[in-house]
Amino acid sequence: MENKHTIVACIPAFEEEASIAKVVARARKHVDKVVVVDDGSKDDTGLIAEAMGAVVLRHERNLGYGAAIRSCFNSARDLNADILVTLDADGQHDPDQIPRMVEPIRKGLADVVVGSRFLGGSSKTEAPRYRQAGIRVLTRFTEAASRTEFTDAQSGFRAYGRKAIGEIVPTEQGMGVSVEILMKAVEHKLRILEVPVTVEYKGLDTSTHNPLYHALDVLASVIKFTSVRHPLVFYGGASAVSLAVSIAFGAWAIELYSKTGVLVTNITLISIAFGLVGILTFFVAVILFTLISVIKEKL
């Protein structure tokens, strides 16, 4: 028999009483334990999950998807899990695909496995095209920030090996946690693998969040992570652009003054403003880089 791995499936849930029983029942066939993080539901989500044999962790109020995922990681560590699988509570993810998700970790080929809706033309989604386009755009931003290729950075159907469970500590409260985890996995040099999965959207409310809010939340996480991890690149680039604009407008103001003898106030003020922004962001880049370097040395 293969080496035995303790597998825990963890399901973030917020008011999913209509679907949680089926998801828990099907997941239990493939894992050692099912944990449901009831993120402040006012309905019977937690009671139903408990009746179906799941361990239920309750948040007193709705803290957000990121907080629920953090509880998933904490639970996996507490249970000494070898593999953590996360999937949604609304039934869009097929629990019968859990073996496919954990297989690369069992074989020692990956530390993090992402179920991709777009890998190898595997997607059978009824999601609106604007949603699919949004996922792809957010994935491109994640690729740029992490310098790693992905096809579906927003998928919540994932598996994490013991090393990933121990080293990744999610901090984002909202939907940005999906990209935060991937960027931290890259930072820790964890092996990430995508496998094709099918997703069922028909008849489901595909998101509890406004799509625009979701996108802005994810983008904010990407920007925050990049600015803190790579301050010289992020703020230094902004500084260079600002100083370039300042020089361009300054040269224009000087040229007009040499021709007319009149100092154009608006152009001059724009040059000064961009110059000040450029200088300030340059110092921010240097200070952040210094602080982060000192902190890393002490860790």
Protein backbone atom coordinates (compact mmCIF):
# COMPACT_ATOMS: atom_id res chain seq x y z
CA MET A 1 0.00 0.00 0.00
CA GLU A 2 1.12 3.58 -0.72
CA ASN A 3 2.43 5.75 2.09
CA LYS A 4 -0.58 6.86 4.10
CA HIS A 5 -1.27 10.57 4.06
CA THR A 6 -3.74 12.22 6.41
CA ILE A 7 -5.99 14.31 4.19
CA VAL A 8 -8.25 17.05 5.53
CA ALA A 9 -10.84 18.75 3.35
CA CYS A 10 -11.72 22.22 4.57
CA ILE A 11 -14.77 24.04 3.25
CA PRO A 12 -15.30 27.79 3.84
CA ALA A 13 -19.06 28.35 4.05
CA PHE A 14 -21.34 31.34 4.44
CA GLU A 15 -25.07 30.64 4.40
CA GLU A 16 -24.88 27.54 2.20
CA GLU A 17 -27.50 25.38 3.93
CA ALA A 18 -28.96 24.29 0.57
CA SER A 19 -25.74 22.66 -0.67
CA ILE A 20 -23.44 21.99 2.29
CA ALA A 21 -24.82 18.50 3.08
CA LYS A 22 -24.10 17.17 -0.39
CA VAL A 23 -20.62 18.70 -0.51
CA VAL A 24 -19.66 17.28 2.90
CA ALA A 25 -21.07 13.83 2.12
CA ARG A 26 -19.19 13.56 -1.17
CA ALA A 27 -15.95 14.96 0.25
CA ARG A 28 -15.94 12.47 3.14
CA LYS A 29 -15.52 9.61 0.65
CA HIS A 30 -12.04 10.84 -0.29
CA VAL A 31 -10.53 12.31 2.88
CA ASP A 32 -9.90 11.41 6.50
CA LYS A 33 -11.70 14.41 7.95
CA VAL A 34 -13.94 17.22 6.70
CA VAL A 35 -13.80 20.62 8.38
CA VAL A 36 -16.38 23.31 7.62
CA VAL A 37 -15.55 26.90 8.53
CA ASP A 38 -18.92 28.51 9.14
CA ASP A 39 -18.11 32.16 8.52
CA GLY A 40 -20.86 33.79 10.54
CA SER A 41 -23.83 32.15 8.81
CA LYS A 42 -27.29 33.07 10.09
CA ASP A 43 -28.88 29.97 8.58
CA ASP A 44 -28.38 26.27 9.43
CA THR A 45 -25.15 25.76 7.47
CA GLY A 46 -23.15 24.81 10.54
CA LEU A 47 -25.82 22.54 12.03
CA ILE A 48 -26.28 20.62 8.78
CA ALA A 49 -22.51 20.23 8.27
CA GLU A 50 -22.15 18.92 11.82
CA ALA A 51 -25.00 16.47 11.30
CA MET A 52 -23.24 15.17 8.18
CA GLY A 53 -20.12 14.35 10.20
CA ALA A 54 -17.99 17.43 9.60
CA VAL A 55 -16.02 19.26 12.25
CA VAL A 56 -17.45 22.79 12.31
CA LEU A 57 -15.40 25.86 13.17
CA ARG A 58 -17.62 28.88 13.74
CA HIS A 59 -16.79 32.55 13.25
CA GLU A 60 -19.09 34.66 15.41
CA ARG A 61 -19.55 37.08 12.52
CA ASN A 62 -18.82 37.09 8.82
CA LEU A 63 -15.10 37.86 8.55
CA GLY A 64 -14.63 37.18 4.84
CA TYR A 65 -13.27 34.46 2.58
CA GLY A 66 -9.65 35.18 3.50
CA ALA A 67 -10.32 34.78 7.21
CA ALA A 68 -12.10 31.47 6.51
CA ILE A 69 -9.12 30.20 4.51
CA ARG A 70 -6.80 31.21 7.34
CA SER A 71 -8.93 29.10 9.70
CA CYS A 72 -8.58 26.23 7.22
CA PHE A 73 -4.79 26.42 7.44
CA ASN A 74 -4.89 26.72 11.23
CA SER A 75 -7.17 23.69 11.43
CA ALA A 76 -4.89 21.64 9.15
CA ARG A 77 -1.92 22.42 11.38
CA ASP A 78 -3.90 21.57 14.53
CA LEU A 79 -4.96 18.24 13.00
CA ASN A 80 -1.40 17.51 11.85
CA ALA A 81 -2.66 17.03 8.30
CA ASP A 82 -0.33 15.88 5.55
CA ILE A 83 -2.57 17.31 2.85
CA LEU A 84 -5.15 20.10 3.04
CA VAL A 85 -7.81 20.37 0.34
CA THR A 86 -9.96 23.50 0.06
CA LEU A 87 -13.16 23.63 -1.96
CA ASP A 88 -16.26 25.80 -2.11
CA ALA A 89 -19.46 25.03 -0.23
CA ASP A 90 -21.90 25.93 -3.00
CA GLY A 91 -21.35 22.77 -5.04
CA GLN A 92 -19.43 24.26 -7.94
CA HIS A 93 -16.39 22.12 -7.16
CA ASP A 94 -16.71 18.35 -7.60
CA PRO A 95 -15.48 16.54 -4.46
CA ASP A 96 -14.99 13.41 -6.56
CA GLN A 97 -12.02 15.19 -8.15
CA ILE A 98 -10.20 15.38 -4.81
CA PRO A 99 -8.06 12.29 -5.64
CA ARG A 100 -6.89 14.08 -8.80
CA MET A 101 -5.96 17.13 -6.71
CA VAL A 102 -3.95 15.26 -4.07
CA GLU A 103 -2.17 12.79 -6.36
CA PRO A 104 0.75 15.11 -7.30
CA ILE A 105 1.38 15.76 -3.60
CA ARG A 106 1.20 12.05 -2.76
CA LYS A 107 3.81 11.38 -5.44
CA GLY A 108 6.09 14.17 -4.23
CA LEU A 109 5.67 16.22 -7.41
CA ALA A 110 4.14 19.35 -5.88
CA ASP A 111 3.60 21.29 -2.67
CA VAL A 112 0.59 23.25 -3.93
CA VAL A 113 -1.94 22.00 -6.48
CA VAL A 114 -4.43 24.38 -8.10
CA GLY A 115 -7.54 23.09 -9.85
CA SER A 116 -7.59 25.08 -13.08
CA ARG A 117 -10.80 25.78 -14.98
CA PHE A 118 -8.84 26.78 -18.06
CA LEU A 119 -6.04 24.24 -18.32
CA GLY A 120 -5.98 22.25 -21.53
CA GLY A 121 -9.46 23.36 -22.50
CA SER A 122 -10.88 21.50 -19.51
CA SER A 123 -13.36 24.15 -18.48
CA LYS A 124 -17.04 23.26 -18.75
CA THR A 125 -18.35 26.41 -17.17
CA GLU A 126 -21.65 28.19 -17.65
CA ALA A 127 -20.21 31.34 -16.08
CA PRO A 128 -20.81 34.59 -17.95
CA ARG A 129 -18.06 35.58 -20.34
CA TYR A 130 -17.34 38.76 -18.39
CA ARG A 131 -16.56 36.62 -15.33
CA GLN A 132 -14.26 34.35 -17.29
CA ALA A 133 -12.52 37.40 -18.77
CA GLY A 134 -12.14 38.91 -15.29
CA ILE A 135 -10.54 35.73 -13.96
CA ARG A 136 -8.05 35.72 -16.81
CA VAL A 137 -7.16 39.40 -16.27
CA LEU A 138 -6.60 38.87 -12.54
CA THR A 139 -4.50 35.81 -13.35
CA ARG A 140 -2.30 37.93 -15.63
CA PHE A 141 -1.74 40.43 -12.79
CA THR A 142 -0.83 37.56 -10.47
CA GLU A 143 1.63 36.21 -13.03
CA ALA A 144 3.28 39.63 -13.36
CA ALA A 145 3.57 40.07 -9.60
CA SER A 146 4.83 36.56 -8.87
CA ARG A 147 6.81 36.09 -12.11
CA THR A 148 5.21 32.67 -12.42
CA GLU A 149 2.84 31.33 -15.06
CA PHE A 150 -0.72 30.37 -14.09
CA THR A 151 -3.90 29.63 -15.98
CA ASP A 152 -6.31 30.11 -13.05
CA ALA A 153 -5.00 32.11 -10.10
CA GLN A 154 -8.52 32.58 -8.69
CA SER A 155 -9.48 28.94 -8.28
CA GLY A 156 -10.50 28.04 -4.73
CA PHE A 157 -10.20 24.30 -5.39
CA ARG A 158 -6.68 23.58 -4.15
CA ALA A 159 -4.53 21.07 -2.32
CA TYR A 160 -1.59 21.87 -0.05
CA GLY A 161 1.14 19.54 1.16
CA ARG A 162 2.66 19.54 4.63
CA LYS A 163 5.40 22.01 3.69
CA ALA A 164 2.90 24.50 2.28
CA ILE A 165 0.61 24.10 5.31
CA GLY A 166 3.53 24.92 7.60
CA GLU A 167 5.00 27.84 5.66
CA ILE A 168 2.00 29.70 4.26
CA VAL A 169 0.16 31.97 6.69
CA PRO A 170 -2.67 33.83 4.90
CA THR A 171 -3.35 37.35 6.15
CA GLU A 172 -5.81 38.80 3.65
CA GLN A 173 -9.40 39.03 4.89
CA GLY A 174 -11.13 39.07 1.50
CA MET A 175 -10.95 37.45 -1.91
CA GLY A 176 -7.36 38.58 -2.38
CA VAL A 177 -6.25 35.63 -0.27
CA SER A 178 -6.21 33.42 -3.39
CA VAL A 179 -3.41 35.37 -5.03
CA GLU A 180 -1.70 36.09 -1.71
CA ILE A 181 -1.26 32.36 -1.14
CA LEU A 182 0.18 31.81 -4.61
CA MET A 183 2.62 34.70 -4.27
CA LYS A 184 3.74 33.46 -0.86
CA ALA A 185 4.15 29.96 -2.27
CA VAL A 186 6.42 31.37 -4.96
CA GLU A 187 8.33 33.38 -2.37
CA HIS A 188 8.92 30.22 -0.29
CA LYS A 189 10.01 28.37 -3.44
CA LEU A 190 7.20 25.83 -3.12
CA ARG A 191 6.41 23.68 -6.13
CA ILE A 192 3.10 24.72 -7.68
CA LEU A 193 1.23 22.55 -10.14
CA GLU A 194 -2.08 23.11 -11.90
CA VAL A 195 -4.39 20.23 -12.81
CA PRO A 196 -7.53 20.46 -14.95
CA VAL A 197 -10.88 20.42 -13.13
CA THR A 198 -14.47 20.90 -14.20
CA VAL A 199 -16.70 23.40 -12.44
CA GLU A 200 -20.50 23.46 -12.31
CA TYR A 201 -22.00 26.96 -12.30
CA LYS A 202 -25.46 26.18 -13.63
CA GLY A 203 -28.13 27.25 -11.18
CA LEU A 204 -25.55 28.69 -8.76
CA ASP A 205 -24.95 32.21 -7.58
CA THR A 206 -21.30 32.18 -8.63
CA SER A 207 -20.16 34.86 -6.24
CA THR A 208 -21.37 36.40 -3.00
CA HIS A 209 -19.45 39.54 -3.94
CA ASN A 210 -19.98 42.19 -6.53
CA PRO A 211 -17.62 41.29 -9.42
CA LEU A 212 -16.10 44.79 -9.41
CA TYR A 213 -15.50 44.63 -5.65
CA HIS A 214 -13.98 41.18 -6.07
CA ALA A 215 -11.60 42.41 -8.78
CA LEU A 216 -10.56 45.52 -6.81
CA ASP A 217 -9.98 43.42 -3.69
CA VAL A 218 -7.69 41.05 -5.58
CA LEU A 219 -5.81 43.88 -7.32
CA ALA A 220 -5.29 45.63 -3.98
CA SER A 221 -3.73 42.44 -2.61
CA VAL A 222 -1.41 42.14 -5.61
CA ILE A 223 -0.32 45.78 -5.27
CA LYS A 224 0.19 45.48 -1.50
CA PHE A 225 2.23 42.31 -1.81
CA THR A 226 4.40 43.72 -4.61
CA SER A 227 4.99 47.04 -2.86
CA VAL A 228 6.14 45.35 0.36
CA ARG A 229 8.15 42.50 -1.20
CA HIS A 230 9.76 44.56 -3.96
CA PRO A 231 9.78 48.21 -2.81
CA LEU A 232 12.66 49.30 -5.04
CA VAL A 233 10.93 48.01 -8.15
CA PHE A 234 7.43 49.19 -7.19
CA TYR A 235 8.15 52.63 -5.69
CA GLY A 236 11.35 53.12 -7.65
CA GLY A 237 9.42 52.63 -10.89
CA ALA A 238 6.76 55.10 -9.79
CA SER A 239 9.49 57.56 -8.81
CA ALA A 240 11.19 57.26 -12.21
CA VAL A 241 7.91 57.89 -14.04
CA SER A 242 7.07 60.90 -11.87
CA LEU A 243 10.53 62.42 -12.32
CA ALA A 244 10.36 61.85 -16.08
CA VAL A 245 7.03 63.69 -16.26
CA SER A 246 8.46 66.47 -14.08
CA ILE A 247 11.46 66.89 -16.37
CA ALA A 248 9.26 66.89 -19.48
CA PHE A 249 6.94 69.59 -18.16
CA GLY A 250 9.89 71.54 -16.74
CA ALA A 251 11.60 71.52 -20.13
CA TRP A 252 8.36 72.64 -21.75
CA ALA A 253 7.98 75.51 -19.26
CA ILE A 254 11.58 76.63 -19.86
CA GLU A 255 11.14 76.48 -23.62
CA LEU A 256 7.99 78.63 -23.47
CA TYR A 257 9.68 81.08 -21.15
CA SER A 258 12.68 81.42 -23.48
CA LYS A 259 10.37 82.17 -26.41
CA THR A 260 7.79 84.42 -24.75
CA GLY A 261 9.42 85.66 -21.57
CA VAL A 262 6.33 84.47 -19.68
CA LEU A 263 6.43 81.69 -17.12
CA VAL A 264 3.36 79.50 -17.65
CA THR A 265 2.20 78.83 -14.11
CA ASN A 266 0.13 75.68 -14.73
CA ILE A 267 2.91 73.85 -16.57
CA THR A 268 5.47 74.91 -13.96
CA LEU A 269 3.27 73.74 -11.07
CA ILE A 270 2.73 70.36 -12.76
CA SER A 271 6.49 69.97 -13.12
CA ILE A 272 7.06 70.84 -9.46
CA ALA A 273 4.26 68.54 -8.25
CA PHE A 274 5.52 65.51 -10.17
CA GLY A 275 9.06 66.30 -9.07
CA LEU A 276 8.05 66.29 -5.41
CA VAL A 277 6.09 63.04 -5.84
CA GLY A 278 9.07 61.45 -7.58
CA ILE A 279 11.48 62.47 -4.81
CA LEU A 280 9.12 61.32 -2.04
CA THR A 281 8.46 57.92 -3.64
CA PHE A 282 12.20 57.46 -4.14
CA PHE A 283 12.81 57.96 -0.42
CA VAL A 284 9.87 55.66 0.41
CA ALA A 285 11.47 52.96 -1.77
CA VAL A 286 14.84 53.31 -0.05
CA ILE A 287 13.37 53.40 3.48
CA LEU A 288 11.10 50.38 2.90
CA PHE A 289 13.91 48.41 1.28
CA THR A 290 16.18 49.16 4.23
CA LEU A 291 13.56 48.23 6.84
CA ILE A 292 12.63 45.00 5.08
CA SER A 293 16.29 44.04 4.71
CA VAL A 294 16.91 44.61 8.44
CA ILE A 295 13.80 42.59 9.38
CA LYS A 296 14.85 39.68 7.13
CA GLU A 297 18.32 39.64 8.70
CA LYS A 298 16.82 39.35 12.20
CA LEU A 299 14.40 36.55 11.30
